[in-house]
N, C-alpha and C. Protein backbone atom coordinates (compact mmCIF):
# COMPACT_ATOMS: atom_id res chain seq x y z
N MET A 1 -28.36 -139.13 -145.39
CA MET A 1 -26.94 -139.32 -145.59
C MET A 1 -26.53 -138.65 -146.90
N THR A 2 -25.42 -137.95 -146.86
CA THR A 2 -24.87 -137.30 -148.04
C THR A 2 -23.66 -138.08 -148.52
N VAL A 3 -23.59 -138.34 -149.81
CA VAL A 3 -22.45 -139.05 -150.40
C VAL A 3 -21.65 -138.04 -151.22
N LEU A 4 -20.37 -137.90 -150.90
CA LEU A 4 -19.47 -137.02 -151.64
C LEU A 4 -18.43 -137.86 -152.33
N LEU A 5 -18.12 -137.54 -153.56
CA LEU A 5 -17.10 -138.26 -154.31
C LEU A 5 -15.84 -137.42 -154.35
N ASP A 6 -14.72 -138.03 -153.98
CA ASP A 6 -13.43 -137.34 -153.97
C ASP A 6 -12.65 -137.76 -155.21
N PRO A 7 -12.43 -136.84 -156.15
CA PRO A 7 -11.75 -137.23 -157.39
C PRO A 7 -10.28 -137.60 -157.19
N THR A 8 -9.71 -137.34 -156.03
CA THR A 8 -8.30 -137.67 -155.79
C THR A 8 -8.13 -139.04 -155.17
N MET A 9 -9.21 -139.74 -154.85
CA MET A 9 -9.10 -141.00 -154.12
C MET A 9 -9.09 -142.23 -155.02
N GLY A 10 -9.24 -142.08 -156.32
CA GLY A 10 -9.24 -143.23 -157.21
C GLY A 10 -10.44 -144.13 -156.95
N THR A 11 -10.22 -145.44 -156.90
CA THR A 11 -11.32 -146.39 -156.69
C THR A 11 -11.53 -146.73 -155.22
N LYS A 12 -10.64 -146.31 -154.37
CA LYS A 12 -10.75 -146.57 -152.93
C LYS A 12 -11.91 -145.76 -152.34
N THR A 13 -12.71 -146.39 -151.51
CA THR A 13 -13.79 -145.66 -150.83
C THR A 13 -13.62 -145.79 -149.33
N GLU A 14 -13.97 -144.71 -148.64
CA GLU A 14 -13.95 -144.73 -147.18
C GLU A 14 -14.87 -143.65 -146.66
N ALA A 15 -15.40 -143.87 -145.49
CA ALA A 15 -16.28 -142.88 -144.87
C ALA A 15 -15.41 -141.80 -144.22
N ILE A 16 -15.76 -140.55 -144.48
CA ILE A 16 -15.05 -139.41 -143.91
C ILE A 16 -16.08 -138.54 -143.20
N GLU A 17 -15.83 -138.23 -141.95
CA GLU A 17 -16.75 -137.39 -141.20
C GLU A 17 -16.67 -135.95 -141.69
N THR A 18 -17.81 -135.35 -141.93
CA THR A 18 -17.83 -133.96 -142.37
C THR A 18 -17.91 -133.04 -141.15
N VAL A 19 -17.49 -131.81 -141.34
CA VAL A 19 -17.48 -130.81 -140.29
C VAL A 19 -18.71 -129.93 -140.46
N ALA A 20 -19.34 -129.56 -139.37
CA ALA A 20 -20.53 -128.70 -139.44
C ALA A 20 -20.15 -127.32 -139.97
N ARG A 21 -21.03 -126.74 -140.74
CA ARG A 21 -20.81 -125.39 -141.26
C ARG A 21 -21.00 -124.38 -140.14
N PRO A 22 -20.22 -123.31 -140.16
CA PRO A 22 -20.39 -122.27 -139.13
C PRO A 22 -21.72 -121.54 -139.33
N THR A 23 -22.31 -121.07 -138.24
CA THR A 23 -23.57 -120.33 -138.35
C THR A 23 -23.33 -118.89 -138.78
N SER A 24 -22.11 -118.39 -138.57
CA SER A 24 -21.74 -117.03 -138.96
C SER A 24 -20.25 -117.03 -139.33
N ILE A 25 -19.86 -116.13 -140.22
CA ILE A 25 -18.44 -116.03 -140.57
C ILE A 25 -17.74 -114.89 -139.83
N SER A 26 -18.51 -114.09 -139.10
CA SER A 26 -17.93 -112.98 -138.36
C SER A 26 -16.90 -113.49 -137.37
N GLY A 27 -15.68 -112.97 -137.46
CA GLY A 27 -14.60 -113.37 -136.57
C GLY A 27 -13.84 -114.61 -137.00
N LEU A 28 -14.27 -115.25 -138.07
CA LEU A 28 -13.57 -116.45 -138.55
C LEU A 28 -12.46 -116.08 -139.53
N THR A 29 -11.48 -116.96 -139.64
CA THR A 29 -10.45 -116.81 -140.67
C THR A 29 -10.82 -117.73 -141.82
N ILE A 30 -11.05 -117.13 -142.98
CA ILE A 30 -11.45 -117.88 -144.17
C ILE A 30 -10.27 -117.93 -145.13
N GLY A 31 -9.90 -119.13 -145.54
CA GLY A 31 -8.86 -119.30 -146.54
C GLY A 31 -9.47 -119.29 -147.93
N LEU A 32 -8.88 -118.54 -148.82
CA LEU A 32 -9.32 -118.51 -150.22
C LEU A 32 -8.21 -119.15 -151.06
N LEU A 33 -8.52 -120.28 -151.66
CA LEU A 33 -7.54 -121.06 -152.41
C LEU A 33 -7.74 -120.88 -153.91
N ASP A 34 -6.78 -120.26 -154.55
CA ASP A 34 -6.76 -120.10 -156.01
C ASP A 34 -6.07 -121.34 -156.57
N ILE A 35 -6.79 -122.10 -157.42
CA ILE A 35 -6.19 -123.34 -157.94
C ILE A 35 -5.37 -123.10 -159.20
N SER A 36 -5.14 -121.84 -159.54
CA SER A 36 -4.30 -121.45 -160.69
C SER A 36 -4.97 -121.67 -162.04
N LYS A 37 -6.28 -121.56 -162.08
CA LYS A 37 -6.98 -121.56 -163.36
C LYS A 37 -7.31 -120.12 -163.72
N ALA A 38 -7.51 -119.88 -164.98
CA ALA A 38 -7.78 -118.53 -165.48
C ALA A 38 -8.97 -117.89 -164.77
N ARG A 39 -8.79 -116.66 -164.33
CA ARG A 39 -9.80 -115.79 -163.72
C ARG A 39 -10.22 -116.21 -162.32
N GLY A 40 -9.58 -117.21 -161.75
CA GLY A 40 -9.89 -117.60 -160.37
C GLY A 40 -9.57 -116.49 -159.38
N ALA A 41 -8.47 -115.79 -159.60
CA ALA A 41 -8.08 -114.71 -158.69
C ALA A 41 -9.10 -113.58 -158.72
N GLU A 42 -9.66 -113.29 -159.90
CA GLU A 42 -10.68 -112.25 -160.00
C GLU A 42 -11.91 -112.61 -159.17
N PHE A 43 -12.32 -113.86 -159.26
CA PHE A 43 -13.46 -114.34 -158.48
C PHE A 43 -13.16 -114.18 -156.98
N LEU A 44 -11.98 -114.61 -156.57
CA LEU A 44 -11.61 -114.54 -155.15
C LEU A 44 -11.48 -113.11 -154.66
N ASP A 45 -11.03 -112.19 -155.52
CA ASP A 45 -10.96 -110.77 -155.14
C ASP A 45 -12.35 -110.27 -154.73
N GLN A 46 -13.34 -110.58 -155.54
CA GLN A 46 -14.71 -110.15 -155.25
C GLN A 46 -15.24 -110.82 -153.98
N LEU A 47 -14.95 -112.10 -153.84
CA LEU A 47 -15.39 -112.84 -152.66
C LEU A 47 -14.74 -112.29 -151.40
N GLU A 48 -13.46 -111.96 -151.47
CA GLU A 48 -12.75 -111.39 -150.33
C GLU A 48 -13.42 -110.10 -149.85
N THR A 49 -13.81 -109.25 -150.78
CA THR A 49 -14.48 -108.00 -150.44
C THR A 49 -15.77 -108.27 -149.67
N ARG A 50 -16.55 -109.21 -150.14
CA ARG A 50 -17.83 -109.53 -149.49
C ARG A 50 -17.63 -110.18 -148.13
N LEU A 51 -16.68 -111.11 -148.03
CA LEU A 51 -16.45 -111.80 -146.76
C LEU A 51 -15.89 -110.86 -145.71
N THR A 52 -15.01 -109.96 -146.12
CA THR A 52 -14.44 -108.98 -145.20
C THR A 52 -15.55 -108.06 -144.67
N ALA A 53 -16.48 -107.69 -145.52
CA ALA A 53 -17.60 -106.84 -145.10
C ALA A 53 -18.49 -107.55 -144.08
N GLU A 54 -18.48 -108.89 -144.10
CA GLU A 54 -19.27 -109.68 -143.14
C GLU A 54 -18.49 -109.97 -141.86
N GLY A 55 -17.25 -109.44 -141.75
CA GLY A 55 -16.49 -109.58 -140.53
C GLY A 55 -15.47 -110.71 -140.50
N ALA A 56 -15.23 -111.35 -141.62
CA ALA A 56 -14.25 -112.44 -141.68
C ALA A 56 -12.85 -111.88 -141.95
N SER A 57 -11.85 -112.59 -141.44
CA SER A 57 -10.46 -112.33 -141.81
C SER A 57 -10.13 -113.28 -142.96
N ILE A 58 -9.32 -112.81 -143.90
CA ILE A 58 -9.04 -113.60 -145.10
C ILE A 58 -7.56 -113.92 -145.19
N LYS A 59 -7.26 -115.17 -145.58
CA LYS A 59 -5.90 -115.59 -145.94
C LYS A 59 -5.98 -116.14 -147.36
N ARG A 60 -5.07 -115.69 -148.21
CA ARG A 60 -5.06 -116.13 -149.61
C ARG A 60 -3.97 -117.17 -149.82
N PHE A 61 -4.30 -118.18 -150.62
CA PHE A 61 -3.37 -119.26 -150.96
C PHE A 61 -3.50 -119.55 -152.46
N THR A 62 -2.42 -120.05 -153.06
CA THR A 62 -2.44 -120.41 -154.48
C THR A 62 -1.75 -121.75 -154.68
N LYS A 63 -2.43 -122.64 -155.40
CA LYS A 63 -1.81 -123.91 -155.78
C LYS A 63 -0.80 -123.65 -156.89
N PRO A 64 0.29 -124.43 -156.94
CA PRO A 64 1.26 -124.25 -158.02
C PRO A 64 0.67 -124.56 -159.40
N THR A 65 -0.26 -125.50 -159.49
CA THR A 65 -0.89 -125.88 -160.75
C THR A 65 -2.26 -126.48 -160.46
N PHE A 66 -3.20 -126.25 -161.38
CA PHE A 66 -4.53 -126.84 -161.21
C PHE A 66 -4.55 -128.32 -161.54
N ALA A 67 -3.51 -128.81 -162.21
CA ALA A 67 -3.50 -130.18 -162.70
C ALA A 67 -3.22 -131.23 -161.63
N LYS A 68 -2.78 -130.82 -160.46
CA LYS A 68 -2.44 -131.76 -159.39
C LYS A 68 -3.06 -131.29 -158.08
N PRO A 69 -3.26 -132.22 -157.14
CA PRO A 69 -3.73 -131.80 -155.81
C PRO A 69 -2.75 -130.83 -155.17
N ALA A 70 -3.24 -130.02 -154.26
CA ALA A 70 -2.38 -129.08 -153.54
C ALA A 70 -1.30 -129.85 -152.78
N PRO A 71 -0.08 -129.33 -152.72
CA PRO A 71 0.99 -129.99 -151.97
C PRO A 71 0.61 -130.15 -150.49
N VAL A 72 1.14 -131.18 -149.87
CA VAL A 72 0.83 -131.49 -148.47
C VAL A 72 1.11 -130.30 -147.56
N ASP A 73 2.24 -129.62 -147.75
CA ASP A 73 2.56 -128.50 -146.87
C ASP A 73 1.55 -127.36 -147.01
N LEU A 74 1.04 -127.12 -148.21
CA LEU A 74 0.03 -126.09 -148.42
C LEU A 74 -1.29 -126.50 -147.76
N ARG A 75 -1.68 -127.75 -147.91
CA ARG A 75 -2.91 -128.23 -147.27
C ARG A 75 -2.80 -128.13 -145.76
N HIS A 76 -1.64 -128.45 -145.22
CA HIS A 76 -1.42 -128.36 -143.78
C HIS A 76 -1.52 -126.92 -143.30
N GLU A 77 -0.90 -126.00 -144.03
CA GLU A 77 -0.95 -124.58 -143.66
C GLU A 77 -2.40 -124.07 -143.65
N ILE A 78 -3.16 -124.44 -144.66
CA ILE A 78 -4.56 -124.02 -144.72
C ILE A 78 -5.34 -124.61 -143.56
N ALA A 79 -5.17 -125.90 -143.32
CA ALA A 79 -5.92 -126.59 -142.27
C ALA A 79 -5.62 -126.06 -140.88
N THR A 80 -4.38 -125.64 -140.65
CA THR A 80 -4.01 -125.19 -139.31
C THR A 80 -4.18 -123.69 -139.09
N SER A 81 -4.44 -122.93 -140.15
CA SER A 81 -4.55 -121.48 -139.97
C SER A 81 -5.92 -120.90 -140.35
N CYS A 82 -6.83 -121.75 -140.80
CA CYS A 82 -8.13 -121.25 -141.25
C CYS A 82 -9.27 -122.03 -140.61
N ASP A 83 -10.39 -121.32 -140.41
CA ASP A 83 -11.60 -121.95 -139.88
C ASP A 83 -12.42 -122.60 -141.00
N ALA A 84 -12.29 -122.06 -142.21
CA ALA A 84 -13.00 -122.57 -143.37
C ALA A 84 -12.19 -122.20 -144.61
N VAL A 85 -12.49 -122.87 -145.72
CA VAL A 85 -11.78 -122.57 -146.97
C VAL A 85 -12.74 -122.58 -148.14
N ILE A 86 -12.49 -121.69 -149.08
CA ILE A 86 -13.26 -121.64 -150.33
C ILE A 86 -12.24 -121.76 -151.45
N GLU A 87 -12.54 -122.64 -152.40
CA GLU A 87 -11.65 -122.91 -153.52
C GLU A 87 -12.22 -122.31 -154.78
N ALA A 88 -11.41 -121.57 -155.54
CA ALA A 88 -11.86 -120.94 -156.78
C ALA A 88 -11.70 -121.91 -157.94
N LEU A 89 -12.79 -122.13 -158.66
CA LEU A 89 -12.75 -123.04 -159.79
C LEU A 89 -13.11 -122.34 -161.10
N ALA A 90 -12.92 -121.04 -161.17
CA ALA A 90 -13.31 -120.27 -162.36
C ALA A 90 -12.40 -120.54 -163.54
N ASP A 91 -12.93 -120.38 -164.71
CA ASP A 91 -12.17 -120.49 -165.96
C ASP A 91 -12.34 -119.24 -166.77
């Protein structure tokens, strides 16, 4: 069993089912989420180049600020248009 801690949930705990990782990214749409911290976009630029070379389609997203969770509409857009997401946490 893997235990993951969600920093946005406060003291409330609940079991959340995880999704299996894809065996290949070829043909998948990968969302790249820039959380608006310094140099995150540079990291994602490099990642986009590598993922595209592996056959993935890329969609880029940016949070308005790193200090708060992504807005609900942004999370919904990512969840409904991407097969997987990678979040940039660079400083």
